[in-house]
C-alpha atoms as a PDB file:
ATOM      1  CA  UNK A   1     -66.653-120.820 218.561  1.00  0.00           C
ATOM      2  CA  UNK A   2     -63.694-123.216 218.420  1.00  0.00           C
ATOM      3  CA  UNK A   3     -62.068-120.382 215.633  1.00  0.00           C
ATOM      4  CA  UNK A   4     -62.247-117.912 218.273  1.00  0.00           C
ATOM      5  CA  UNK A   5     -60.831-119.542 220.613  1.00  0.00           C
ATOM      6  CA  UNK A   6     -58.142-120.820 219.056  1.00  0.00           C
ATOM      7  CA  UNK A   7     -57.407-117.420 218.164  1.00  0.00           C
ATOM      8  CA  UNK A   8     -56.317-116.900 221.578  1.00  0.00           C
ATOM      9  CA  UNK A   9     -53.947-119.867 221.988  1.00  0.00           C
ATOM     10  CA  UNK A  10     -52.294-118.723 219.003  1.00  0.00           C
ATOM     11  CA  UNK A  11     -51.988-115.085 219.963  1.00  0.00           C
ATOM     12  CA  UNK A  12     -50.623-116.704 223.217  1.00  0.00           C
ATOM     13  CA  UNK A  13     -48.094-118.551 221.335  1.00  0.00           C
ATOM     14  CA  UNK A  14     -46.849-115.645 219.295  1.00  0.00           C
ATOM     15  CA  UNK A  15     -46.726-113.264 221.954  1.00  0.00           C
ATOM     16  CA  UNK A  16     -44.953-115.863 224.354  1.00  0.00           C
ATOM     17  CA  UNK A  17     -42.562-117.068 220.994  1.00  0.00           C
ATOM     18  CA  UNK A  18     -43.422-120.579 222.329  1.00  0.00           C
ATOM     19  CA  UNK A  19     -43.152-123.060 219.215  1.00  0.00           C
ATOM     20  CA  UNK A  20     -46.126-124.846 217.192  1.00  0.00           C
ATOM     21  CA  UNK A  21     -45.573-127.747 218.444  1.00  0.00           C
ATOM     22  CA  UNK A  22     -45.806-126.966 221.696  1.00  0.00           C
ATOM     23  CA  UNK A  23     -48.775-128.494 224.132  1.00  0.00           C
ATOM     24  CA  UNK A  24     -51.406-126.193 224.932  1.00  0.00           C
ATOM     25  CA  UNK A  25     -51.259-126.808 229.089  1.00  0.00           C
ATOM     26  CA  UNK A  26     -47.466-126.116 229.187  1.00  0.00           C
ATOM     27  CA  UNK A  27     -48.067-122.391 226.624  1.00  0.00           C
ATOM     28  CA  UNK A  28     -50.322-121.397 228.887  1.00  0.00           C
ATOM     29  CA  UNK A  29     -48.924-122.119 231.996  1.00  0.00           C
ATOM     30  CA  UNK A  30     -45.526-120.925 231.167  1.00  0.00           C
ATOM     31  CA  UNK A  31     -47.216-117.809 229.834  1.00  0.00           C
ATOM     32  CA  UNK A  32     -48.761-116.422 232.428  1.00  0.00           C
ATOM     33  CA  UNK A  33     -47.174-118.395 234.907  1.00  0.00           C
ATOM     34  CA  UNK A  34     -47.298-116.349 238.233  1.00  0.00           C
ATOM     35  CA  UNK A  35     -43.849-115.987 239.044  1.00  0.00           C
ATOM     36  CA  UNK A  36     -41.886-115.607 235.381  1.00  0.00           C
ATOM     37  CA  UNK A  37     -44.478-115.567 232.758  1.00  0.00           C
ATOM     38  CA  UNK A  38     -43.427-113.474 229.539  1.00  0.00           C
ATOM     39  CA  UNK A  39     -46.648-112.354 229.522  1.00  0.00           C
ATOM     40  CA  UNK A  40     -47.282-111.777 233.314  1.00  0.00           C
ATOM     41  CA  UNK A  41     -47.271-108.543 234.106  1.00  0.00           C
ATOM     42  CA  UNK A  42     -45.278-108.298 237.889  1.00  0.00           C
ATOM     43  CA  UNK A  43     -46.763-105.110 239.003  1.00  0.00           C
ATOM     44  CA  UNK A  44     -50.082-106.941 239.629  1.00  0.00           C
ATOM     45  CA  UNK A  45     -50.681-108.555 242.744  1.00  0.00           C
ATOM     46  CA  UNK A  46     -49.713-112.143 242.792  1.00  0.00           C
ATOM     47  CA  UNK A  47     -53.303-113.072 243.525  1.00  0.00           C
ATOM     48  CA  UNK A  48     -54.277-111.408 240.507  1.00  0.00           C
ATOM     49  CA  UNK A  49     -51.513-112.587 238.717  1.00  0.00           C
ATOM     50  CA  UNK A  50     -53.170-116.364 239.401  1.00  0.00           C
ATOM     51  CA  UNK A  51     -56.306-115.130 238.827  1.00  0.00           C
ATOM     52  CA  UNK A  52     -55.207-114.345 235.073  1.00  0.00           C
ATOM     53  CA  UNK A  53     -53.268-117.882 234.601  1.00  0.00           C
ATOM     54  CA  UNK A  54     -56.717-119.477 236.150  1.00  0.00           C
ATOM     55  CA  UNK A  55     -58.619-117.590 233.515  1.00  0.00           C
ATOM     56  CA  UNK A  56     -56.860-118.601 230.153  1.00  0.00           C
ATOM     57  CA  UNK A  57     -57.030-122.043 231.515  1.00  0.00           C
ATOM     58  CA  UNK A  58     -59.753-122.170 232.433  1.00  0.00           C
ATOM     59  CA  UNK A  59     -62.007-120.758 229.440  1.00  0.00           C
ATOM     60  CA  UNK A  60     -59.893-122.564 227.225  1.00  0.00           C
ATOM     61  CA  UNK A  61     -60.928-125.950 228.629  1.00  0.00           C
ATOM     62  CA  UNK A  62     -64.138-124.541 229.372  1.00  0.00           C
ATOM     63  CA  UNK A  63     -65.168-123.349 225.860  1.00  0.00           C
ATOM     64  CA  UNK A  64     -62.058-124.568 223.227  1.00  0.00           C
ATOM     65  CA  UNK A  65     -61.625-128.169 224.775  1.00  0.00           C
ATOM     66  CA  UNK A  66     -65.160-129.803 224.371  1.00  0.00           C
ATOM     67  CA  UNK A  67     -65.462-128.813 220.375  1.00  0.00           C
ATOM     68  CA  UNK A  68     -62.495-130.377 219.695  1.00  0.00           C
ATOM     69  CA  UNK A  69     -63.561-133.606 221.373  1.00  0.00           C
ATOM     70  CA  UNK A  70     -67.400-133.658 220.327  1.00  0.00           C
ATOM     71  CA  UNK A  71     -70.252-131.332 218.788  1.00  0.00           C
ATOM     72  CA  UNK A  72     -71.241-129.056 220.797  1.00  0.00           C
ATOM     73  CA  UNK A  73     -73.976-126.660 220.745  1.00  0.00           C
ATOM     74  CA  UNK A  74     -74.092-123.366 221.758  1.00  0.00           C
ATOM     75  CA  UNK A  75     -76.866-121.063 222.152  1.00  0.00           C
ATOM     76  CA  UNK A  76     -76.873-117.087 220.823  1.00  0.00           C
ATOM     77  CA  UNK A  77     -76.254-115.801 224.141  1.00  0.00           C
ATOM     78  CA  UNK A  78     -73.799-117.873 225.103  1.00  0.00           C
ATOM     79  CA  UNK A  79     -72.023-117.148 221.620  1.00  0.00           C
ATOM     80  CA  UNK A  80     -72.438-113.855 222.938  1.00  0.00           C
ATOM     81  CA  UNK A  81     -70.531-114.108 226.320  1.00  0.00           C
ATOM     82  CA  UNK A  82     -67.518-116.346 224.502  1.00  0.00           C
ATOM     83  CA  UNK A  83     -67.064-113.672 221.768  1.00  0.00           C
ATOM     84  CA  UNK A  84     -66.912-110.704 224.559  1.00  0.00           C
ATOM     85  CA  UNK A  85     -64.326-112.903 226.849  1.00  0.00           C
ATOM     86  CA  UNK A  86     -61.877-113.992 223.330  1.00  0.00           C
ATOM     87  CA  UNK A  87     -61.847-110.255 222.464  1.00  0.00           C
ATOM     88  CA  UNK A  88     -60.961-109.385 226.056  1.00  0.00           C
ATOM     89  CA  UNK A  89     -58.590-111.810 226.173  1.00  0.00           C
ATOM     90  CA  UNK A  90     -57.340-110.872 222.023  1.00  0.00           C
ATOM     91  CA  UNK A  91     -57.090-107.445 224.024  1.00  0.00           C
ATOM     92  CA  UNK A  92     -54.235-108.414 226.419  1.00  0.00           C
ATOM     93  CA  UNK A  93     -52.545-110.434 224.387  1.00  0.00           C
ATOM     94  CA  UNK A  94     -52.304-107.988 221.077  1.00  0.00           C
ATOM     95  CA  UNK A  95     -52.247-104.863 221.587  1.00  0.00           C
ATOM     96  CA  UNK A  96     -53.104-102.529 219.063  1.00  0.00           C
ATOM     97  CA  UNK A  97     -50.278-101.118 217.923  1.00  0.00           C
ATOM     98  CA  UNK A  98     -48.964-104.826 217.487  1.00  0.00           C
ATOM     99  CA  UNK A  99     -51.781-107.024 216.073  1.00  0.00           C
ATOM    100  CA  UNK A 100     -51.315-110.624 215.413  1.00  0.00           C
ATOM    101  CA  UNK A 101     -49.712-110.883 211.883  1.00  0.00           C
ATOM    102  CA  UNK A 102     -52.214-113.026 208.798  1.00  0.00           C
ATOM    103  CA  UNK A 103     -49.472-115.735 209.178  1.00  0.00           C
ATOM    104  CA  UNK A 104     -49.486-116.537 212.750  1.00  0.00           C
ATOM    105  CA  UNK A 105     -53.359-116.783 212.108  1.00  0.00           C
ATOM    106  CA  UNK A 106     -54.870-120.637 212.138  1.00  0.00           C
ATOM    107  CA  UNK A 107     -57.432-119.871 209.101  1.00  0.00           C
ATOM    108  CA  UNK A 108     -60.235-122.680 208.666  1.00  0.00           C
ATOM    109  CA  UNK A 109     -59.859-124.311 205.634  1.00  0.00           C
END
């Protein structure tokens, strides 16, 4: 699961042109900033832009970060929910005609 959410982070960094050295919190904050984020659809109402920004931050905080700091057991039904969420994020970040290139992906060693 860690790897799946890492792909979301890589896609957000790639689409937003953020350096790999930039801290995740800053990438998320700037990338989907409610008022001027390069990945924010300014046609959406402000409340919806804020909700999407929160969704990115909360999902990474809830699903990726715990496995970065400790061993986490995930049962199959929870894993399915997490994969669906990753799929939604990647769909928002990488339109089908512009997938994340292999060199931008962080693959397991």
